[in-house]
Protein backbone atom coordinates (compact mmCIF):
# COMPACT_ATOMS: atom_id res chain seq x y z
CA UNK A 1 -21.82 18.29 10.12
CA UNK A 2 -24.01 19.38 13.07
CA UNK A 3 -23.85 16.88 15.91
CA UNK A 4 -27.14 15.12 16.85
CA UNK A 5 -28.94 15.37 20.00
CA UNK A 6 -29.13 11.55 21.19
CA UNK A 7 -32.19 12.21 23.38
CA UNK A 8 -34.13 13.89 20.50
CA UNK A 9 -33.11 11.16 18.02
CA UNK A 10 -34.45 8.60 20.52
CA UNK A 11 -37.78 10.40 20.73
CA UNK A 12 -37.85 10.72 16.78
CA UNK A 13 -36.94 6.83 16.49
CA UNK A 14 -39.86 5.97 18.88
CA UNK A 15 -42.16 8.44 17.04
CA UNK A 16 -41.32 6.86 13.64
CA UNK A 17 -41.60 3.46 14.87
CA UNK A 18 -45.07 4.11 16.32
CA UNK A 19 -46.14 5.62 13.03
CA UNK A 20 -44.78 2.68 11.11
CA UNK A 21 -46.59 0.22 13.28
CA UNK A 22 -49.95 2.00 12.73
CA UNK A 23 -49.91 3.92 15.96
CA UNK A 24 -52.31 6.93 16.55
CA UNK A 25 -50.59 9.89 14.98
CA UNK A 26 -52.17 12.58 17.24
CA UNK A 27 -51.12 10.66 20.29
CA UNK A 28 -47.57 10.04 19.09
CA UNK A 29 -47.34 13.89 18.25
CA UNK A 30 -48.50 14.85 21.77
CA UNK A 31 -46.19 12.30 23.41
CA UNK A 32 -43.10 13.50 21.46
CA UNK A 33 -43.88 17.07 20.74
CA UNK A 34 -40.90 18.50 22.62
CA UNK A 35 -38.58 16.62 20.28
CA UNK A 36 -40.72 17.55 17.19
CA UNK A 37 -40.50 21.14 18.03
CA UNK A 38 -37.16 22.50 16.50
CA UNK A 39 -36.48 19.28 14.46
CA UNK A 40 -33.91 19.94 11.79
CA UNK A 41 -33.05 18.37 8.51
CA UNK A 42 -29.89 16.91 10.24
CA UNK A 43 -32.10 15.11 12.70
CA UNK A 44 -33.99 13.54 9.87
CA UNK A 45 -30.65 12.29 8.30
CA UNK A 46 -29.67 10.79 11.69
CA UNK A 47 -32.96 9.38 12.25
CA UNK A 48 -32.85 7.33 8.90
CA UNK A 49 -29.23 6.43 9.54
CA UNK A 50 -30.11 4.94 12.96
CA UNK A 51 -33.16 3.14 11.43
CA UNK A 52 -30.95 1.41 8.94
CA UNK A 53 -28.53 0.47 11.76
CA UNK A 54 -31.45 -1.02 13.63
CA UNK A 55 -31.92 -3.38 10.60
CA UNK A 56 -35.02 -1.54 9.25
CA UNK A 57 -34.64 -2.15 5.47
CA UNK A 58 -34.96 0.43 2.57
CA UNK A 59 -38.41 -1.05 1.46
CA UNK A 60 -39.67 -0.67 4.96
CA UNK A 61 -38.34 2.94 5.25
CA UNK A 62 -39.95 3.82 1.87
CA UNK A 63 -43.20 2.31 2.72
CA UNK A 64 -43.83 4.80 5.61
CA UNK A 65 -41.45 7.75 4.95
CA UNK A 66 -44.17 9.93 3.23
CA UNK A 67 -46.61 9.43 6.11
CA UNK A 68 -43.89 10.47 8.66
CA UNK A 69 -42.84 13.39 6.59
CA UNK A 70 -46.36 14.58 6.12
CA UNK A 71 -46.58 15.00 10.01
CA UNK A 72 -43.00 16.36 10.39
CA UNK A 73 -43.24 18.82 7.35
CA UNK A 74 -44.81 21.55 9.44
CA UNK A 75 -41.86 21.49 11.81
CA UNK A 76 -39.05 21.01 9.14
CA UNK A 77 -40.26 23.89 6.81
CA UNK A 78 -39.58 26.37 9.79
CA UNK A 79 -35.74 25.45 9.52
CA UNK A 80 -33.82 28.48 8.23
CA UNK A 81 -31.02 27.94 5.86
CA UNK A 82 -29.18 29.94 3.23
CA UNK A 83 -30.96 29.51 -0.01
CA UNK A 84 -28.76 29.04 -3.08
CA UNK A 85 -27.81 32.10 -5.17
CA UNK A 86 -28.77 32.23 -8.82
CA UNK A 87 -26.35 30.78 -11.10
CA UNK A 88 -25.32 27.94 -8.81
CA UNK A 89 -25.81 24.07 -9.09
CA UNK A 90 -28.40 23.94 -6.15
CA UNK A 91 -30.29 26.92 -7.60
CA UNK A 92 -30.87 25.13 -10.95
CA UNK A 93 -31.94 21.88 -9.27
CA UNK A 94 -34.53 23.82 -7.39
CA UNK A 95 -35.64 25.75 -10.36
CA UNK A 96 -36.11 22.50 -12.27
CA UNK A 97 -38.37 21.44 -9.39
CA UNK A 98 -40.60 24.48 -9.85
CA UNK A 99 -40.93 23.83 -13.43
CA UNK A 100 -41.73 20.21 -12.72
CA UNK A 101 -44.41 21.16 -10.19
CA UNK A 102 -46.11 23.45 -12.71
CA UNK A 103 -46.30 20.51 -15.23
CA UNK A 104 -47.61 18.21 -12.56
CA UNK A 105 -50.25 20.81 -11.61
CA UNK A 106 -51.22 21.11 -15.22
CA UNK A 107 -51.93 17.45 -15.39
CA UNK A 108 -54.06 17.82 -12.27
CA UNK A 109 -56.14 20.59 -13.99
CA UNK A 110 -56.77 18.39 -17.11
CA UNK A 111 -58.14 15.62 -14.94
CA UNK A 112 -60.24 18.12 -12.96
CA UNK A 113 -61.81 19.39 -16.25
CA UNK A 114 -62.99 15.79 -17.02
CA UNK A 115 -64.59 15.41 -13.52
CA UNK A 116 -67.70 13.24 -13.81
CA UNK A 117 -66.96 12.31 -17.47
CA UNK A 118 -63.71 10.32 -16.97
CA UNK A 119 -65.11 6.89 -17.87
CA UNK A 120 -67.20 7.82 -20.93
CA UNK A 121 -64.55 10.15 -22.37
CA UNK A 122 -61.59 8.01 -21.35
CA UNK A 123 -60.01 7.86 -24.87
CA UNK A 124 -60.00 11.66 -25.16
CA UNK A 125 -58.68 12.10 -21.61
CA UNK A 126 -55.83 9.58 -22.26
CA UNK A 127 -54.91 11.40 -25.60
CA UNK A 128 -54.74 14.73 -23.69
CA UNK A 129 -52.83 13.28 -20.75
CA UNK A 130 -50.32 11.25 -22.77
CA UNK A 131 -47.93 14.11 -24.02
CA UNK A 132 -47.79 15.44 -20.47
CA UNK A 133 -46.90 12.03 -19.04
CA UNK A 134 -44.29 11.54 -21.77
CA UNK A 135 -42.80 14.90 -20.90
CA UNK A 136 -42.52 13.75 -17.13
CA UNK A 137 -40.05 11.12 -18.09
CA UNK A 138 -37.79 13.95 -19.37
CA UNK A 139 -37.25 14.95 -15.82
CA UNK A 140 -34.67 11.99 -15.62
CA UNK A 141 -31.55 14.10 -15.88
CA UNK A 142 -32.49 15.78 -12.56
CA UNK A 143 -32.40 12.55 -10.70
CA UNK A 144 -29.13 11.53 -12.54
CA UNK A 145 -27.46 14.80 -11.61
CA UNK A 146 -28.21 13.93 -7.95
CA UNK A 147 -27.01 10.36 -8.19
CA UNK A 148 -23.81 11.27 -10.17
CA UNK A 149 -22.87 14.64 -8.89
CA UNK A 150 -24.61 15.62 -5.69
CA UNK A 151 -24.46 12.23 -3.97
CA UNK A 152 -20.65 11.72 -4.46
CA UNK A 153 -20.00 15.08 -3.04
CA UNK A 154 -22.27 14.46 -0.14
CA UNK A 155 -20.66 11.25 0.65
CA UNK A 156 -17.33 13.13 1.11
CA UNK A 157 -18.80 15.25 3.89
CA UNK A 158 -21.62 13.27 5.46
CA UNK A 159 -20.65 10.41 7.64
CA UNK A 160 -24.29 9.44 7.70
CA UNK A 161 -24.81 9.08 3.89
CA UNK A 162 -26.65 5.74 3.80
CA UNK A 163 -30.11 7.43 3.78
CA UNK A 164 -29.09 8.61 0.14
CA UNK A 165 -29.66 5.00 -0.79
CA UNK A 166 -33.28 5.34 0.21
CA UNK A 167 -33.60 8.49 -2.13
CA UNK A 168 -31.96 6.61 -5.04
CA UNK A 169 -34.38 3.79 -4.51
CA UNK A 170 -37.31 6.30 -4.64
CA UNK A 171 -35.78 7.68 -7.96
CA UNK A 172 -36.08 4.19 -9.37
CA UNK A 173 -39.60 3.91 -8.11
CA UNK A 174 -40.49 7.09 -10.00
CA UNK A 175 -38.86 5.77 -13.07
CA UNK A 176 -40.85 2.63 -12.94
CA UNK A 177 -44.02 4.40 -12.20
CA UNK A 178 -43.83 6.87 -15.17
CA UNK A 179 -43.16 4.00 -17.53
CA UNK A 180 -46.15 2.14 -16.30
CA UNK A 181 -48.31 5.18 -16.40
CA UNK A 182 -47.38 6.09 -19.99
CA UNK A 183 -48.19 2.30 -20.90
CA UNK A 184 -51.63 2.66 -19.31
CA UNK A 185 -52.34 5.92 -21.08
CA UNK A 186 -51.27 4.31 -24.41
CA UNK A 187 -53.34 1.10 -23.85
CA UNK A 188 -56.90 0.86 -25.17
CA UNK A 189 -57.78 -1.71 -22.69
CA UNK A 190 -56.65 0.20 -19.48
CA UNK A 191 -59.59 1.20 -17.37
CA UNK A 192 -59.91 4.79 -15.60
CA UNK A 193 -59.72 3.24 -12.14
CA UNK A 194 -56.34 1.70 -12.77
CA UNK A 195 -55.03 4.81 -14.66
CA UNK A 196 -56.37 7.08 -11.92
CA UNK A 197 -54.58 5.08 -9.18
CA UNK A 198 -51.34 5.17 -11.07
CA UNK A 199 -51.56 8.90 -11.65
CA UNK A 200 -52.13 9.41 -7.97
CA UNK A 201 -49.10 7.33 -6.98
CA UNK A 202 -46.92 9.03 -9.34
CA UNK A 203 -48.20 12.69 -8.51
CA UNK A 204 -47.70 12.28 -4.78
CA UNK A 205 -44.44 10.36 -5.21
CA UNK A 206 -42.88 13.05 -7.35
CA UNK A 207 -44.13 15.94 -5.14
CA UNK A 208 -42.82 13.86 -2.24
CA UNK A 209 -39.34 13.61 -3.74
CA UNK A 210 -39.24 17.41 -4.26
CA UNK A 211 -40.32 17.84 -0.63
CA UNK A 212 -37.61 15.44 0.50
CA UNK A 213 -34.92 17.28 -1.51
CA UNK A 214 -35.86 20.73 -0.37
CA UNK A 215 -36.58 20.34 3.40
CA UNK A 216 -33.87 17.74 4.13
CA UNK A 217 -31.05 17.03 1.54
CA UNK A 218 -30.54 20.55 0.06
CA UNK A 219 -30.37 22.44 3.48
CA UNK A 220 -27.84 19.89 4.77
CA UNK A 221 -25.83 20.11 1.53
CA UNK A 222 -25.84 23.82 1.61
CA UNK A 223 -24.56 23.84 5.23
CA UNK A 224 -21.77 21.24 4.76
CA UNK A 225 -20.30 21.35 1.20
CA UNK A 226 -17.60 24.05 0.69
CA UNK A 227 -18.11 26.75 -1.88
CA UNK A 228 -15.49 25.65 -4.26
CA UNK A 229 -17.18 22.25 -4.46
CA UNK A 230 -20.30 23.85 -5.58
CA UNK A 231 -18.43 25.50 -8.37
CA UNK A 232 -17.15 22.20 -9.57
CA UNK A 233 -20.59 20.51 -9.20
CA UNK A 234 -22.18 23.33 -11.28
CA UNK A 235 -19.40 22.76 -13.88
CA UNK A 236 -20.15 19.04 -14.23
CA UNK A 237 -23.80 19.66 -14.40
CA UNK A 238 -23.40 20.96 -17.97
CA UNK A 239 -22.72 17.30 -19.11
CA UNK A 240 -26.57 16.78 -18.62
CA UNK A 241 -29.72 18.44 -19.84
CA UNK A 242 -31.59 20.99 -17.54
CA UNK A 243 -35.13 19.54 -17.56
CA UNK A 244 -37.94 22.09 -18.18
CA UNK A 245 -35.77 25.21 -17.86
CA UNK A 246 -33.51 27.18 -20.11
CA UNK A 247 -30.01 25.99 -20.14
CA UNK A 248 -28.05 28.40 -18.13
CA UNK A 249 -24.71 30.17 -18.91
CA UNK A 250 -21.81 28.55 -17.07
CA UNK A 251 -19.98 30.46 -14.41
CA UNK A 252 -16.69 29.19 -15.39
CA UNK A 253 -14.08 30.26 -18.11
CA UNK A 254 -14.23 27.33 -20.58
CA UNK A 255 -16.81 27.83 -23.44
CA UNK A 256 -17.14 24.15 -23.96
CA UNK A 257 -17.01 22.83 -20.25
CA UNK A 258 -18.43 19.27 -20.36
CA UNK A 259 -16.97 16.89 -22.98
CA UNK A 260 -13.15 16.60 -22.71
CA UNK A 261 -11.86 18.77 -19.83
CA UNK A 262 -12.22 16.95 -16.59
CA UNK A 263 -13.16 13.70 -18.27
CA UNK A 264 -10.89 11.51 -16.43
CA UNK A 265 -9.52 12.30 -13.04
CA UNK A 266 -7.71 8.95 -13.52
CA UNK A 267 -5.64 10.61 -16.27
CA UNK A 268 -4.39 13.25 -13.81
CA UNK A 269 -3.50 10.49 -11.23
CA UNK A 270 -1.73 8.38 -13.96
CA UNK A 271 0.28 11.47 -15.16
CA UNK A 272 1.56 11.92 -11.52
CA UNK A 273 2.85 8.31 -11.46
CA UNK A 274 6.34 7.52 -12.54
CA UNK A 275 6.86 5.04 -15.35
CA UNK A 276 7.81 4.56 -18.94
CA UNK A 277 4.56 5.77 -20.42
CA UNK A 278 4.71 9.39 -21.68
CA UNK A 279 2.13 11.92 -21.23
CA UNK A 280 1.48 11.83 -25.02
CA UNK A 281 0.86 8.11 -25.16
CA UNK A 282 -1.46 8.50 -22.13
CA UNK A 283 -3.37 11.16 -24.02
CA UNK A 284 -3.66 8.89 -27.02
CA UNK A 285 -4.80 6.03 -24.93
CA UNK A 286 -7.52 8.29 -23.61
CA UNK A 287 -8.60 9.13 -27.02
CA UNK A 288 -8.68 5.44 -28.03
CA UNK A 289 -10.91 4.45 -25.10
CA UNK A 290 -13.18 7.42 -25.75
CA UNK A 291 -13.49 6.52 -29.36
CA UNK A 292 -14.65 2.91 -28.78
CA UNK A 293 -18.40 2.35 -28.97
CA UNK A 294 -18.31 1.03 -25.43
CA UNK A 295 -19.03 2.32 -21.82
CA UNK A 296 -15.94 1.46 -19.86
CA UNK A 297 -15.54 1.73 -16.01
CA UNK A 298 -12.76 0.57 -13.95
CA UNK A 299 -13.07 -0.13 -10.14
CA UNK A 300 -9.75 -0.76 -8.30
CA UNK A 301 -8.94 -3.48 -5.66
CA UNK A 302 -10.19 -1.17 -3.05
CA UNK A 303 -13.56 -0.82 -4.55
CA UNK A 304 -13.12 2.71 -5.66
CA UNK A 305 -14.04 3.96 -9.11
CA UNK A 306 -10.79 4.91 -10.76
CA UNK A 307 -11.59 5.42 -14.34
CA UNK A 308 -14.47 5.76 -16.94
CA UNK A 309 -14.24 6.59 -20.56
CA UNK A 310 -16.17 9.38 -22.44
CA UNK A 311 -17.80 7.27 -25.26
CA UNK A 312 -19.71 9.54 -27.62
CA UNK A 313 -23.07 7.92 -26.93
CA UNK A 314 -22.60 6.76 -23.30
CA UNK A 315 -25.96 5.15 -22.13
CA UNK A 316 -24.89 4.83 -18.38
CA UNK A 317 -24.06 8.31 -17.19
CA UNK A 318 -20.89 9.00 -15.29
CA UNK A 319 -19.46 12.24 -13.88
CA UNK A 320 -15.96 13.10 -12.71
CA UNK A 321 -17.65 13.36 -9.21
CA UNK A 322 -17.71 9.44 -9.04
CA UNK A 323 -13.90 9.08 -9.31
CA UNK A 324 -12.85 7.82 -5.94
CA UNK A 325 -16.26 6.89 -4.94
CA UNK A 326 -17.09 3.54 -3.41
CA UNK A 327 -18.76 1.27 -6.02
CA UNK A 328 -21.34 0.36 -3.42
CA UNK A 329 -22.55 3.86 -3.52
CA UNK A 330 -22.90 3.90 -7.33
CA UNK A 331 -25.89 1.65 -7.43
CA UNK A 332 -29.41 1.61 -5.95
CA UNK A 333 -29.89 -0.69 -2.96
CA UNK A 334 -32.05 -3.11 -4.93
CA UNK A 335 -29.09 -4.04 -7.10
CA UNK A 336 -26.35 -3.67 -4.47
CA UNK A 337 -26.28 -7.48 -3.66
CA UNK A 338 -25.35 -8.25 -7.19
CA UNK A 339 -22.49 -5.78 -7.18
CA UNK A 340 -21.17 -7.15 -3.92
CA UNK A 341 -21.44 -10.81 -5.16
CA UNK A 342 -19.48 -10.02 -8.42
CA UNK A 343 -16.77 -8.16 -6.51
CA UNK A 344 -16.37 -10.89 -3.87
CA UNK A 345 -16.21 -13.75 -6.28
CA UNK A 346 -13.65 -11.84 -8.44
CA UNK A 347 -11.56 -11.03 -5.28
CA UNK A 348 -11.42 -14.59 -3.98
CA UNK A 349 -10.76 -15.99 -7.51
CA UNK A 350 -14.03 -18.02 -7.79
CA UNK A 351 -14.88 -16.15 -11.04
CA UNK A 352 -13.28 -14.00 -13.73
CA UNK A 353 -16.27 -12.58 -15.52
CA UNK A 354 -20.09 -12.03 -15.41
CA UNK A 355 -22.47 -10.80 -18.07
CA UNK A 356 -25.98 -9.47 -18.30
CA UNK A 357 -28.16 -8.08 -21.13
CA UNK A 358 -31.02 -5.60 -20.83
CA UNK A 359 -33.30 -3.51 -23.07
CA UNK A 360 -32.68 0.14 -22.35
CA UNK A 361 -34.62 2.93 -24.21
CA UNK A 362 -35.18 0.65 -27.21
CA UNK A 363 -31.56 -0.60 -27.28
CA UNK A 364 -30.21 -4.00 -26.54
CA UNK A 365 -27.30 -3.59 -24.10
CA UNK A 366 -24.78 -6.29 -23.44
CA UNK A 367 -23.02 -5.64 -20.05
CA UNK A 368 -19.93 -7.56 -18.97
CA UNK A 369 -17.68 -7.51 -16.01
CA UNK A 370 -14.04 -8.79 -15.94
CA UNK A 371 -11.66 -9.31 -13.04
CA UNK A 372 -8.49 -7.42 -13.45
CA UNK A 373 -5.52 -9.40 -12.24
CA UNK A 374 -1.72 -8.62 -12.28
CA UNK A 375 0.98 -11.09 -13.74
CA UNK A 376 0.88 -13.06 -10.53
CA UNK A 377 -2.96 -13.52 -10.49
CA UNK A 378 -3.48 -10.91 -7.72
CA UNK A 379 -6.80 -9.07 -7.78
CA UNK A 380 -6.55 -5.52 -9.11
CA UNK A 381 -10.28 -4.80 -9.51
CA UNK A 382 -13.20 -5.07 -11.94
CA UNK A 383 -13.64 -3.69 -15.44
CA UNK A 384 -17.19 -3.12 -16.60
CA UNK A 385 -17.64 -2.96 -20.35
CA UNK A 386 -21.10 -2.24 -21.84
CA UNK A 387 -22.10 -2.22 -25.53
CA UNK A 388 -25.19 -1.54 -27.70
CA UNK A 389 -25.39 -4.58 -29.61
CA UNK A 390 -28.82 -3.83 -31.17
CA UNK A 391 -27.49 -3.55 -34.76
CA UNK A 392 -25.02 -6.25 -34.37
CA UNK A 393 -27.67 -8.80 -33.50
CA UNK A 394 -29.33 -8.11 -36.90
CA UNK A 395 -26.15 -8.91 -38.90
CA UNK A 396 -26.41 -11.77 -41.36
CA UNK A 397 -24.24 -13.30 -44.02
CA UNK A 398 -21.06 -11.56 -44.76
CA UNK A 399 -19.75 -8.25 -45.87
CA UNK A 400 -16.38 -8.26 -47.70
CA UNK A 401 -16.48 -5.07 -49.60
CA UNK A 402 -16.23 -1.45 -48.57
CA UNK A 403 -19.63 0.19 -48.99
CA UNK A 404 -19.87 3.66 -47.38
CA UNK A 405 -23.51 3.86 -48.12
């Protein structure tokens, strides 16, 4: 990782603080122009890290980050970095961005075609926009691949990785916004002003995310992550869809890379441990856990993710990259306090379980956490078990006979 220029960072902190407090942008640029000239993506990473150390919260950073980046974009885009070669993990993330930009601009053209007629022809406009808005929700795997593959690898090489939490929080904002936007487009009661405002927020948020990826995160990632790790990341990416682009051919040997191959790094760790359990039994146990209609994740006593199963219809995505990752980095900042409370109360013996239930993509999901303890009661981590209980909740009466139909 390139070392930061402390004096430059101090200027950037002063500049960003001035922008966040409503200062005059032109005056701030003139005052700090020496630091702004030659600014790098690494400087932006250090800046955000120092902001968080100063106690500036994620919501506060998110509130002004686009305004600050709009000013700094002209400087950051001049940074030269080695662009990813075709057929690599980063190449396809950027290709997905180009395809997404095309669709976002298509929506913009539709709205422009209705200019001056939006209110009187609102039902027609909504009907034309709706399929495009619904397609935007299909960009979700792009964000999931960042959270579950890119971020864990970055955490291995970036000492200043906390700003990734801001990006994850922005992912969640976009997820929320597109749901609300689709709801407005479907509603007969929603007015053009509310719909237009929501479209604008999502449009600039989505483009802003692409900008943050390609002028900050990707250049630093390209300069810090070793080549062999990029190969592994590309391999793991085949566990997810490639939104808006053709699914590429893998660059590795296995014709079926995703499902069973590197499924559990924990299996490899366990196989290296001495003990009475044979490799065959370990393989069978893995098959059993993968067959259960449950999402299972185990976090050890050091708060590191050690295992997850490969349920057929897993609804909370996991990638091999998360093995060994601190559990705090596996959650967006808005829910981090809940994770820490559960872990702390399990560790000190106050609690042994916790449960939640949510509706996710039309399914009713029951989520349970269990404290794992040894025979002496010593804390050995947390087991997360999630289950789709949608159909179970509908069961009534009894079924005593086998009926395959």
